[in-house]
Protein backbone atom coordinates (compact mmCIF):
# COMPACT_ATOMS: atom_id res chain seq x y z
CA MET A 1 2.86 -19.45 -29.32
CA GLU A 2 1.69 -16.13 -27.49
CA GLY A 3 1.83 -17.36 -24.34
CA GLY A 4 5.92 -18.77 -25.07
CA VAL A 5 6.52 -14.91 -26.34
CA MET A 6 4.88 -13.87 -23.51
CA ALA A 7 6.71 -15.80 -21.19
CA ALA A 8 9.96 -15.56 -22.80
CA THR A 9 9.81 -11.46 -22.38
CA ILE A 10 8.66 -11.72 -18.65
CA LYS A 11 12.13 -13.61 -18.14
CA GLU A 12 13.51 -10.92 -20.19
CA CYS A 13 12.08 -8.17 -18.26
CA LEU A 14 12.54 -10.04 -14.99
CA GLU A 15 16.68 -10.16 -15.86
CA LEU A 16 16.99 -6.52 -16.42
CA GLN A 17 14.82 -6.17 -13.05
CA LEU A 18 17.40 -8.43 -11.20
CA LEU A 19 20.69 -6.35 -12.94
CA GLU A 20 18.96 -3.16 -12.19
CA VAL A 21 18.89 -4.13 -7.94
CA GLU A 22 21.71 -5.46 -8.14
CA MET A 23 23.62 -2.23 -9.51
CA LEU A 24 21.64 0.01 -7.15
CA PHE A 25 22.90 -2.56 -3.81
CA SER A 26 26.22 -1.70 -5.17
CA MET A 27 25.40 1.93 -5.62
CA PHE A 28 24.17 1.68 -1.59
CA PRO A 29 26.01 -0.71 -0.01
CA LYS A 30 25.58 0.09 3.52
CA LYS A 31 22.76 -1.81 5.47
CA GLY A 32 19.41 -0.20 5.15
CA GLU A 33 20.00 1.98 2.37
CA ILE A 34 18.17 -0.06 0.01
CA ASN A 35 15.48 -2.88 1.98
CA LEU A 36 13.54 -5.22 0.04
CA CYS A 37 9.45 -5.46 1.53
CA ASP A 38 9.70 -9.51 0.73
CA GLU A 39 12.70 -11.20 1.30
CA ASP A 40 12.11 -14.07 -0.98
CA ALA A 41 11.58 -11.90 -3.82
CA VAL A 42 14.89 -11.81 -5.37
CA PRO A 43 15.77 -15.39 -5.47
CA GLY A 44 12.21 -16.35 -6.01
CA MET A 45 12.87 -14.22 -9.36
CA GLN A 46 16.06 -16.27 -9.79
CA ARG A 47 14.16 -19.47 -9.38
CA TYR A 48 11.21 -18.44 -12.01
CA LEU A 49 13.96 -17.24 -14.75
CA ARG A 50 15.46 -21.14 -13.87
CA ASN A 51 12.23 -22.58 -14.78
CA SER A 52 9.59 -20.81 -15.97
CA GLU A 53 6.89 -23.05 -16.10
CA GLY A 54 5.40 -22.49 -12.33
CA ALA A 55 3.83 -19.24 -11.43
CA LEU A 56 4.53 -16.01 -12.01
CA PRO A 57 7.14 -14.42 -8.66
CA ARG A 58 5.99 -12.06 -6.75
CA GLN A 59 6.29 -8.29 -8.27
CA LEU A 60 9.47 -6.76 -6.85
CA GLU A 61 9.40 -4.42 -4.44
CA TYR A 62 11.96 -2.05 -2.51
CA SER A 63 12.52 1.00 -0.94
CA VAL A 64 15.82 3.11 -1.21
CA ALA A 65 16.71 5.66 1.04
CA ILE A 66 18.54 8.62 -0.23
CA ASP A 67 20.78 11.09 1.62
CA VAL A 68 20.12 14.86 0.08
CA GLY A 69 23.03 17.04 0.12
CA GLU A 70 24.57 18.30 3.03
CA SER A 71 20.89 18.21 4.96
CA LYS A 72 20.77 15.50 7.34
CA ALA A 73 17.32 14.73 6.27
CA LYS A 74 16.70 11.25 4.11
CA VAL A 75 14.05 10.88 1.01
CA VAL A 76 13.06 7.52 0.60
CA LEU A 77 12.09 6.18 -2.62
CA GLN A 78 9.42 3.28 -2.51
CA VAL A 79 9.60 1.13 -5.80
CA LEU A 80 7.15 -1.60 -6.83
CA LEU A 81 7.99 -2.93 -10.25
CA PRO A 82 5.43 -4.86 -12.79
CA HIS A 83 6.73 -7.99 -13.88
CA MET A 84 6.67 -6.29 -17.40
CA TYR A 85 8.90 -3.29 -16.00
CA PRO A 86 11.18 -1.98 -18.26
CA HIS A 87 8.79 -2.19 -20.59
CA VAL A 88 5.32 -0.91 -17.92
CA ALA A 89 5.68 2.32 -16.60
CA PRO A 90 7.58 1.57 -12.39
CA GLN A 91 5.39 2.39 -9.58
CA LEU A 92 7.69 5.53 -7.78
CA PHE A 93 6.83 7.27 -4.61
CA ALA A 94 8.79 9.74 -2.88
CA ARG A 95 8.67 10.09 1.08
CA SER A 96 10.33 12.23 3.71
CA ASP A 97 9.33 12.54 7.57
CA ALA A 98 10.96 16.57 6.56
CA LEU A 99 8.03 17.36 4.32
CA ASN A 100 4.88 18.60 4.83
CA ARG A 101 1.85 16.69 2.69
CA GLN A 102 1.91 19.59 0.48
CA GLN A 103 5.50 19.37 -0.55
CA GLN A 104 5.97 15.71 -0.95
CA LEU A 105 2.59 16.21 -3.21
CA GLN A 106 4.76 18.51 -5.19
CA LEU A 107 8.12 16.27 -5.31
CA ASN A 108 6.22 13.31 -6.11
CA THR A 109 4.15 15.53 -9.40
CA HIS A 110 7.68 16.78 -10.40
CA LEU A 111 9.60 13.17 -9.98
CA THR A 112 6.48 11.85 -12.33
CA SER A 113 7.27 14.51 -14.96
CA HIS A 114 10.51 13.51 -15.06
CA ILE A 115 9.87 9.98 -15.16
CA SER A 116 7.39 10.02 -18.26
CA SER A 117 9.97 12.41 -19.88
CA LEU A 118 12.68 9.60 -20.35
CA ASP A 119 12.64 7.08 -23.07
CA SER A 120 9.90 4.09 -22.55
CA GLY A 121 11.18 0.26 -22.34
CA GLU A 122 14.32 1.72 -20.25
CA LEU A 123 15.05 1.27 -16.92
CA CYS A 124 14.45 4.03 -15.27
CA ILE A 125 14.98 3.41 -10.75
CA CYS A 126 18.72 4.82 -11.00
CA ALA A 127 17.45 7.80 -13.01
CA ALA A 128 14.99 8.29 -10.47
CA VAL A 129 17.07 7.92 -7.38
CA GLN A 130 19.48 10.36 -9.47
CA TRP A 131 16.77 13.08 -9.72
CA VAL A 132 15.58 12.60 -6.34
CA LYS A 133 19.22 13.74 -5.03
CA GLU A 134 19.28 15.87 -6.74
CA ASN A 135 16.31 18.03 -6.76
CA SER A 136 14.78 17.22 -3.17
CA LEU A 137 17.02 19.77 -1.16
CA PRO A 138 14.72 22.99 -2.26
CA TYR A 139 11.55 20.76 -1.07
CA LEU A 140 13.96 20.09 2.49
CA GLN A 141 14.75 24.03 2.64
CA ASN A 142 11.37 24.99 2.21
CA SER A 143 10.41 22.99 4.89
CA GLU A 144 12.65 23.93 7.45
CA MET A 145 12.04 27.89 6.42
CA ALA A 146 8.30 27.34 7.61
CA SER A 147 7.81 29.82 10.33
CA GLU A 148 7.06 28.02 13.63
CA SER A 149 3.46 28.50 14.40
CA THR A 150 3.00 26.81 10.45
CA LEU A 151 5.03 23.98 11.74
CA LYS A 152 2.69 23.21 14.89
CA GLU A 153 -0.11 23.73 12.64
CA GLU A 154 0.83 21.27 10.56
CA VAL A 155 2.16 19.28 13.38
CA PHE A 156 -1.44 19.38 15.39
CA LYS A 157 -4.16 19.92 12.42
CA GLU A 158 -4.92 16.58 11.14
CA THR A 159 -7.26 14.35 9.09
CA PHE A 160 -8.40 11.37 10.43
CA HIS A 161 -10.01 8.98 7.98
CA ARG A 162 -12.31 5.81 8.30
CA MET A 163 -12.30 3.60 5.57
CA TRP A 164 -15.13 1.45 4.23
CA ILE A 165 -14.03 -1.59 2.11
CA TYR A 166 -16.33 -3.91 0.79
CA SER A 167 -15.01 -6.85 -1.46
CA HIS A 168 -16.96 -9.83 -3.23
CA HIS A 169 -14.49 -12.09 -1.07
CA ILE A 170 -11.22 -12.29 0.97
CA TYR A 171 -9.46 -15.83 1.29
CA ARG A 172 -6.49 -15.91 -0.44
CA GLN A 173 -3.25 -15.86 2.87
CA GLU A 174 -0.91 -13.92 0.56
CA LEU A 175 -3.37 -11.19 0.08
CA ARG A 176 -4.67 -11.58 4.09
CA LYS A 177 -0.96 -10.94 5.23
CA LYS A 178 -0.60 -7.77 2.48
CA ILE A 179 -3.77 -6.60 4.56
CA PHE A 180 -2.61 -7.06 8.01
CA ASP A 181 1.60 -5.63 7.20
CA CYS A 182 0.39 -2.68 5.81
CA ALA A 183 -2.26 -1.99 8.42
CA LYS A 184 0.50 -2.49 11.10
CA LYS A 185 3.30 -0.10 8.73
CA LEU A 186 0.60 2.45 8.66
CA ASN A 187 -0.50 2.37 12.14
CA LEU A 188 -4.41 1.81 11.51
CA THR A 189 -6.92 0.12 13.52
CA GLY A 190 -10.26 -1.65 12.12
CA PHE A 191 -10.61 -5.43 10.70
CA CYS A 192 -10.34 -7.64 8.08
CA LEU A 193 -13.61 -9.66 7.99
CA THR A 194 -12.26 -12.89 5.94
CA GLY A 195 -14.72 -14.63 3.65
CA LYS A 196 -17.79 -14.27 1.50
CA PRO A 197 -18.18 -11.01 1.54
CA GLY A 198 -15.02 -9.57 2.35
CA VAL A 199 -15.00 -6.43 4.25
CA ILE A 200 -12.38 -4.02 5.76
CA CYS A 201 -12.50 -0.81 8.07
CA ALA A 202 -9.09 1.22 8.04
CA GLU A 203 -8.99 4.38 10.00
CA GLY A 204 -6.47 6.67 11.01
CA ILE A 205 -4.64 9.62 9.65
CA ARG A 206 -5.58 10.32 6.54
CA GLU A 207 -2.83 10.08 4.31
CA ASN A 208 -2.14 6.58 5.83
CA CYS A 209 -5.30 5.21 4.85
CA GLU A 210 -5.27 6.72 1.56
CA GLU A 211 -1.91 5.07 1.31
CA PHE A 212 -3.16 1.65 2.29
CA TRP A 213 -5.98 1.99 0.33
CA ARG A 214 -3.19 2.39 -2.80
CA VAL A 215 -1.67 -0.61 -1.66
CA ILE A 216 -4.24 -3.00 -1.41
CA ARG A 217 -6.01 -2.64 -4.39
CA TYR A 218 -2.37 -2.97 -6.54
CA PRO A 219 -2.24 -4.38 -9.15
CA SER A 220 -5.04 -6.70 -9.82
CA TRP A 221 -7.50 -6.34 -7.29
CA LYS A 222 -10.88 -5.88 -9.05
CA HIS A 223 -13.76 -6.73 -7.22
CA ILE A 224 -12.99 -4.42 -4.47
CA SER A 225 -14.86 -0.83 -3.91
CA CYS A 226 -14.40 2.08 -0.78
CA LYS A 227 -17.90 2.19 0.00
CA HIS A 228 -18.37 4.92 2.48
CA VAL A 229 -15.04 7.35 3.77
CA GLU A 230 -15.66 9.25 7.14
CA SER A 231 -13.24 12.52 7.47
CA ILE A 232 -12.94 14.26 10.58
CA GLU A 233 -10.24 17.42 10.76
CA THR A 234 -8.68 17.43 14.47
CA GLU A 235 -6.06 19.11 16.39
CA GLY A 236 -5.77 16.78 19.10
CA ASN A 237 -4.73 13.35 19.30
CA ILE A 238 -6.75 11.22 16.77
CA ASP A 239 -6.70 8.36 18.94
CA SER A 240 -9.60 9.21 20.72
CA LEU A 241 -11.64 9.02 17.66
CA ARG A 242 -10.51 5.65 16.97
CA LEU A 243 -13.66 2.87 17.20
CA PHE A 244 -10.75 -0.20 17.17
CA ARG A 245 -8.52 -0.70 19.27
CA THR A 246 -6.41 -2.94 16.98
CA PHE A 247 -6.30 -4.10 13.36
CA GLU A 248 -8.64 -6.91 13.93
CA ASP A 249 -9.09 -10.38 12.11
CA LEU A 250 -12.63 -11.21 11.77
CA GLN A 251 -13.72 -14.75 11.59
CA PHE A 252 -16.91 -15.71 12.34
CA GLN A 253 -19.53 -18.96 11.60
CA ALA A 254 -19.60 -19.39 8.03
CA HIS A 255 -22.61 -20.88 6.36
CA GLY A 256 -22.02 -23.06 3.20
CA ASP A 257 -20.33 -26.51 1.45
CA TYR A 258 -16.79 -25.37 1.88
CA GLY A 259 -14.77 -28.23 2.72
CA LEU A 260 -13.36 -28.70 -0.57
CA ARG A 261 -13.36 -25.05 -1.67
CA ASN A 262 -13.55 -21.70 -0.17
CA ASP A 263 -17.08 -20.27 -1.28
CA TYR A 264 -18.62 -20.04 1.98
CA HIS A 265 -20.30 -16.86 3.33
CA MET A 266 -19.96 -15.26 6.89
CA ASP A 267 -22.59 -14.97 9.35
CA LEU A 268 -23.42 -11.49 9.02
CA GLY A 269 -26.07 -11.82 12.03
CA GLN A 270 -22.84 -11.95 13.78
CA PHE A 271 -20.87 -9.29 11.66
CA LEU A 272 -23.54 -6.76 12.21
CA GLU A 273 -23.63 -7.20 16.27
CA PHE A 274 -19.73 -6.37 16.20
CA LEU A 275 -20.54 -3.59 14.19
CA LYS A 276 -22.83 -2.61 16.97
CA GLN A 277 -20.51 -3.50 19.49
CA HIS A 278 -18.61 -0.97 18.06
CA GLN A 279 -20.96 2.62 17.47
CA CYS A 280 -20.81 1.66 13.92
CA GLY A 281 -24.40 -0.06 12.79
CA HIS A 282 -25.56 2.19 10.52
CA ILE A 283 -22.48 1.06 8.38
CA PHE A 284 -24.48 -2.55 7.62
CA GLN A 285 -26.77 -0.43 5.38
CA ILE A 286 -24.45 1.26 3.63
CA LEU A 287 -22.23 -2.02 3.25
CA PHE A 288 -25.11 -4.17 1.77
CA GLY A 289 -28.25 -2.16 0.75
CA VAL A 290 -30.28 -3.68 3.47
CA GLU A 291 -31.08 -3.04 7.16
CA GLY A 292 -29.37 -4.94 9.47
CA LYS A 293 -31.91 -6.83 12.04
CA LEU A 294 -30.79 -8.67 14.62
CA SER A 295 -32.60 -11.93 15.57
CA ASP A 296 -34.46 -12.37 19.45
CA LYS A 297 -32.30 -14.76 21.58
């Protein structure tokens, strides 16, 4: 009985989400103003509403490009909706190339405060868009008023980040696609080691690494932890600090019975050799708690 009630509630929420996104498309009819992260998300939700016996559809994720006042700058509102939205709060993030890190943080803090002040259980993305449109200009003006020397400092002084992420396992094709798509979008290099255990290294600008960590964890990746972070402040090109040229797909020889199921262990000896080839063999002990040793060949 509870399952039936829950299914009905989710269906009601998804219907409201579709109504809201249709309203947004009518408000922003120009191409590129609204971008769906997954083109199949809306059709998938419509299929689920016609027949809710199957698996839940993917969560609706999109962005809205908002013109702010007379400024030529745009603020992009990124939206991720849990299945139970509007009964559960949406995940919102406003960003603009015209804002520095501190201004962007202040804008999002005030946006979150505004959304939390609205009635719970009500649709709020249109309200969020309107708030961003009406309240972003002071942040953009403050950015324009910054002195040339301050702007130069903001442009050239960056923090390089390298995150070492450990998971009990990484198998699902959908999850792997999300990892690689996100790394590409955020200009991160590193690798994803598929199998059991699963290991991800992501390196690039700190803000991009932190965004990557936020995106891949959401909404329910439980068996995952960030084991170690390396951070270097630099005024030069961060590319010289990278250990990896691309974001690589690592799949070493596996051990175990994986003919019928995805329960197989990666060859950690090969993984250790790979780390040492990239001047980061010391990470092996941080990830696994033991010192790695290569066998004599």
